[in-house]
């Protein structure tokens, strides 16, 4: 899934300082979520390349960091984590910078609901069903699966309608300030928007279209190359 340039640099796997390290590939949606969160907190970091889709598979040593061989994994000052939601919440609490979850219990629950919606219902149709089939496979000289695209667009439309309703007046997904909910959905939206049908569906929801225009203007997205999506 298309490469992105990095905020922070690719670093050695045996670095020993307290600079956070993110393990994964630059084009991974979930690696991007973590890196956007670090960027919004103003935290420099290193990206350590780990490709779970490499022909030789995941390096055996990596499973000490992530027993399921997925990406990303994370390390900060000797503290290791895997699972994107755990990593981003740690980054939000461990570092100075703007808080990335709302203060009120109801607003925070709404933000977490949006994150769960993105993970459970939006990610696969928007990225694998639409972007991969409509954009990535043709770039490789392969025909996309039209039936899969149609089914994914129908699923994505339900997701976008639900997000638009939860967003209410915005301007961000979970209220007046940027939150982890925005950073979670943005890499998915970046891929989805590259497909003509995806761009059209986003444009059909005025609030989400305005949200996406707001997001792609943020330096954190520009640093990762997501603003072109």
Protein backbone atom coordinates (compact mmCIF):
# COMPACT_ATOMS: atom_id res chain seq x y z
CA UNK A 1 0.00 0.00 0.00
CA UNK A 2 1.88 3.09 -1.26
CA UNK A 3 4.96 4.26 0.59
CA UNK A 4 5.05 7.35 2.76
CA UNK A 5 7.95 9.53 3.79
CA UNK A 6 8.59 9.67 7.50
CA UNK A 7 8.42 12.06 10.38
CA UNK A 8 11.50 10.90 12.17
CA UNK A 9 14.10 8.77 10.46
CA UNK A 10 14.67 5.11 9.88
CA UNK A 11 16.83 3.99 12.75
CA UNK A 12 18.90 0.99 13.81
CA UNK A 13 17.13 -1.88 15.54
CA UNK A 14 19.64 -1.84 18.41
CA UNK A 15 19.35 1.83 19.39
CA UNK A 16 19.69 2.24 23.15
CA UNK A 17 18.63 5.81 23.87
CA UNK A 18 15.22 6.94 25.05
CA UNK A 19 14.06 8.06 21.61
CA UNK A 20 10.86 6.15 20.79
CA UNK A 21 11.08 3.48 18.12
CA UNK A 22 8.24 2.28 15.93
CA UNK A 23 8.67 -1.08 14.23
CA UNK A 24 6.93 -1.66 10.90
CA UNK A 25 6.61 -0.34 7.37
CA UNK A 26 6.06 3.27 6.36
CA UNK A 27 2.96 2.43 4.31
CA UNK A 28 1.10 0.52 7.04
CA UNK A 29 -2.12 2.16 8.19
CA UNK A 30 -1.49 1.23 11.81
CA UNK A 31 2.15 2.29 11.77
CA UNK A 32 0.99 5.61 10.37
CA UNK A 33 -1.53 6.00 13.19
CA UNK A 34 1.23 5.65 15.76
CA UNK A 35 3.57 7.98 13.89
CA UNK A 36 0.86 10.63 13.48
CA UNK A 37 0.24 10.47 17.23
CA UNK A 38 3.93 10.95 17.97
CA UNK A 39 4.09 13.84 15.52
CA UNK A 40 1.06 15.58 17.02
CA UNK A 41 2.69 15.29 20.45
CA UNK A 42 5.90 16.77 19.02
CA UNK A 43 7.94 13.62 19.68
CA UNK A 44 10.79 12.65 17.37
CA UNK A 45 11.10 8.94 16.76
CA UNK A 46 12.80 6.28 14.67
CA UNK A 47 11.10 3.91 12.26
CA UNK A 48 12.72 0.47 12.37
CA UNK A 49 11.81 -1.49 9.20
CA UNK A 50 9.89 -4.72 9.77
CA UNK A 51 7.86 -6.10 6.85
CA UNK A 52 5.39 -8.84 7.80
CA UNK A 53 4.70 -9.45 4.09
CA UNK A 54 8.35 -10.02 3.13
CA UNK A 55 8.94 -13.31 1.27
CA UNK A 56 11.05 -14.63 4.13
CA UNK A 57 8.36 -13.66 6.64
CA UNK A 58 8.68 -11.85 9.93
CA UNK A 59 12.19 -11.99 11.43
CA UNK A 60 12.10 -14.58 14.24
CA UNK A 61 13.58 -12.08 16.72
CA UNK A 62 10.67 -9.71 16.08
CA UNK A 63 8.24 -12.12 17.72
CA UNK A 64 9.83 -11.23 21.03
CA UNK A 65 8.31 -7.80 20.44
CA UNK A 66 5.02 -8.96 18.94
CA UNK A 67 4.09 -12.62 19.49
CA UNK A 68 1.61 -12.51 16.61
CA UNK A 69 4.10 -11.06 14.13
CA UNK A 70 1.98 -8.01 13.30
CA UNK A 71 2.97 -4.36 13.05
CA UNK A 72 3.48 -1.95 14.67
CA UNK A 73 5.47 -2.66 17.78
CA UNK A 74 6.85 0.13 19.92
CA UNK A 75 9.64 0.78 22.40
CA UNK A 76 10.39 3.80 24.55
CA UNK A 77 13.23 3.85 27.07
CA UNK A 78 13.15 0.06 27.41
CA UNK A 79 9.33 -0.13 27.69
CA UNK A 80 7.79 -2.27 24.95
CA UNK A 81 4.24 -2.34 23.62
CA UNK A 82 2.27 -3.80 20.76
CA UNK A 83 -1.32 -3.09 19.61
CA UNK A 84 -1.93 0.34 18.13
CA UNK A 85 -4.56 1.50 20.62
CA UNK A 86 -2.30 0.73 23.58
CA UNK A 87 0.63 2.49 21.91
CA UNK A 88 -1.24 5.67 21.02
CA UNK A 89 -2.80 5.99 24.46
CA UNK A 90 0.62 5.50 26.04
CA UNK A 91 2.12 8.18 23.78
CA UNK A 92 -0.70 10.55 24.67
CA UNK A 93 -0.13 10.13 28.40
CA UNK A 94 3.66 9.70 28.48
CA UNK A 95 4.68 12.80 26.55
CA UNK A 96 4.02 16.51 26.85
CA UNK A 97 1.92 18.22 24.23
CA UNK A 98 -1.80 18.60 23.56
CA UNK A 99 -4.04 15.94 25.07
CA UNK A 100 -5.39 13.66 22.35
CA UNK A 101 -8.48 12.37 24.13
CA UNK A 102 -11.33 14.58 25.39
CA UNK A 103 -11.56 15.30 29.10
CA UNK A 104 -15.25 14.53 29.65
CA UNK A 105 -16.18 10.90 30.23
CA UNK A 106 -18.91 10.94 27.57
CA UNK A 107 -16.77 12.73 24.99
CA UNK A 108 -13.91 10.32 25.67
CA UNK A 109 -16.24 7.35 25.28
CA UNK A 110 -17.43 8.79 21.96
CA UNK A 111 -13.83 9.12 20.74
CA UNK A 112 -13.11 5.52 21.73
CA UNK A 113 -16.30 4.39 19.98
CA UNK A 114 -15.14 6.05 16.77
CA UNK A 115 -11.75 4.37 17.05
CA UNK A 116 -13.45 1.00 17.50
CA UNK A 117 -15.75 1.69 14.54
CA UNK A 118 -12.76 2.47 12.34
CA UNK A 119 -10.98 -0.71 13.39
CA UNK A 120 -13.93 -3.08 13.31
CA UNK A 121 -15.94 -1.83 10.35
CA UNK A 122 -14.12 0.76 8.24
CA UNK A 123 -10.54 -0.45 7.83
CA UNK A 124 -11.05 -3.56 5.72
CA UNK A 125 -13.61 -2.20 3.23
CA UNK A 126 -11.99 1.22 2.85
CA UNK A 127 -8.40 0.00 2.52
CA UNK A 128 -8.46 -3.61 1.32
CA UNK A 129 -11.80 -3.63 -0.43
CA UNK A 130 -11.60 -0.27 -2.22
CA UNK A 131 -8.03 1.07 -2.27
CA UNK A 132 -6.22 -2.22 -2.89
CA UNK A 133 -8.69 -3.42 -5.51
CA UNK A 134 -9.23 -0.11 -7.29
CA UNK A 135 -5.79 1.55 -6.97
CA UNK A 136 -3.01 -0.79 -5.90
CA UNK A 137 -3.80 -3.85 -8.00
CA UNK A 138 -4.08 -1.88 -11.28
CA UNK A 139 -0.70 -0.26 -10.51
CA UNK A 140 0.69 -3.80 -10.39
CA UNK A 141 -0.94 -4.56 -13.75
CA UNK A 142 -3.69 -6.67 -12.18
CA UNK A 143 -7.44 -6.31 -12.55
CA UNK A 144 -9.37 -5.38 -9.46
CA UNK A 145 -12.26 -7.50 -8.27
CA UNK A 146 -15.31 -5.40 -9.18
CA UNK A 147 -17.67 -7.42 -7.01
CA UNK A 148 -15.40 -6.92 -4.05
CA UNK A 149 -15.17 -3.18 -4.75
CA UNK A 150 -18.96 -2.87 -4.92
CA UNK A 151 -19.45 -4.75 -1.66
CA UNK A 152 -16.73 -2.74 0.07
CA UNK A 153 -18.20 0.56 -1.10
CA UNK A 154 -21.56 -0.42 0.36
CA UNK A 155 -19.91 -1.26 3.70
CA UNK A 156 -17.84 1.92 3.62
CA UNK A 157 -20.94 4.02 2.98
CA UNK A 158 -22.57 2.65 6.14
CA UNK A 159 -19.39 3.46 8.08
CA UNK A 160 -19.19 6.99 6.74
CA UNK A 161 -22.85 7.66 7.52
CA UNK A 162 -22.29 6.45 11.09
CA UNK A 163 -19.16 8.59 11.45
CA UNK A 164 -20.95 11.65 10.09
CA UNK A 165 -23.75 11.16 12.61
CA UNK A 166 -21.32 10.71 15.51
CA UNK A 167 -19.31 13.73 14.42
CA UNK A 168 -22.34 16.02 14.62
CA UNK A 169 -21.04 19.59 14.17
CA UNK A 170 -17.35 18.72 14.58
CA UNK A 171 -15.08 20.20 13.44
CA UNK A 172 -13.21 17.04 14.44
CA UNK A 173 -14.63 13.56 14.76
CA UNK A 174 -15.00 13.64 18.54
CA UNK A 175 -15.61 17.33 19.13
CA UNK A 176 -13.87 20.69 18.91
CA UNK A 177 -10.28 19.43 19.27
CA UNK A 178 -8.15 16.92 17.41
CA UNK A 179 -8.16 13.52 19.08
CA UNK A 180 -6.89 9.99 18.62
CA UNK A 181 -10.13 9.30 16.75
CA UNK A 182 -9.02 11.65 13.94
CA UNK A 183 -5.52 10.20 13.85
CA UNK A 184 -6.91 6.67 13.74
CA UNK A 185 -9.21 7.27 10.78
CA UNK A 186 -6.94 9.59 8.78
CA UNK A 187 -4.58 6.93 7.30
CA UNK A 188 -7.60 4.85 6.26
CA UNK A 189 -9.24 7.88 4.68
CA UNK A 190 -6.01 8.75 2.87
CA UNK A 191 -6.01 5.41 1.05
CA UNK A 192 -9.77 5.40 0.50
CA UNK A 193 -9.72 8.90 -0.99
CA UNK A 194 -7.27 7.79 -3.69
CA UNK A 195 -9.99 5.69 -5.31
CA UNK A 196 -12.46 7.84 -7.30
CA UNK A 197 -15.44 6.13 -5.69
CA UNK A 198 -13.91 6.64 -2.26
CA UNK A 199 -13.37 10.33 -2.88
CA UNK A 200 -16.96 10.64 -4.08
CA UNK A 201 -18.35 8.93 -0.98
CA UNK A 202 -16.35 11.18 1.33
CA UNK A 203 -17.51 14.24 -0.61
CA UNK A 204 -21.13 13.13 -0.20
CA UNK A 205 -20.87 13.69 3.55
CA UNK A 206 -20.26 17.41 3.90
CA UNK A 207 -18.98 17.27 7.46
CA UNK A 208 -16.52 14.47 6.68
CA UNK A 209 -15.36 16.24 3.51
CA UNK A 210 -14.62 19.35 5.56
CA UNK A 211 -12.92 17.21 8.20
CA UNK A 212 -10.68 15.61 5.58
CA UNK A 213 -9.73 19.00 4.12
CA UNK A 214 -8.82 20.08 7.65
CA UNK A 215 -6.77 16.95 8.27
CA UNK A 216 -4.69 17.03 5.09
CA UNK A 217 -3.61 20.57 5.95
CA UNK A 218 -1.99 19.38 9.19
CA UNK A 219 1.83 19.20 9.20
CA UNK A 220 1.74 15.71 10.71
CA UNK A 221 -0.11 14.32 7.68
CA UNK A 222 2.10 16.22 5.28
CA UNK A 223 5.23 14.78 6.91
CA UNK A 224 3.98 11.24 6.27
CA UNK A 225 2.84 12.02 2.72
CA UNK A 226 -0.84 11.50 3.56
CA UNK A 227 -1.93 14.94 2.38
CA UNK A 228 -1.88 13.76 -1.24
CA UNK A 229 -4.56 11.18 -0.50
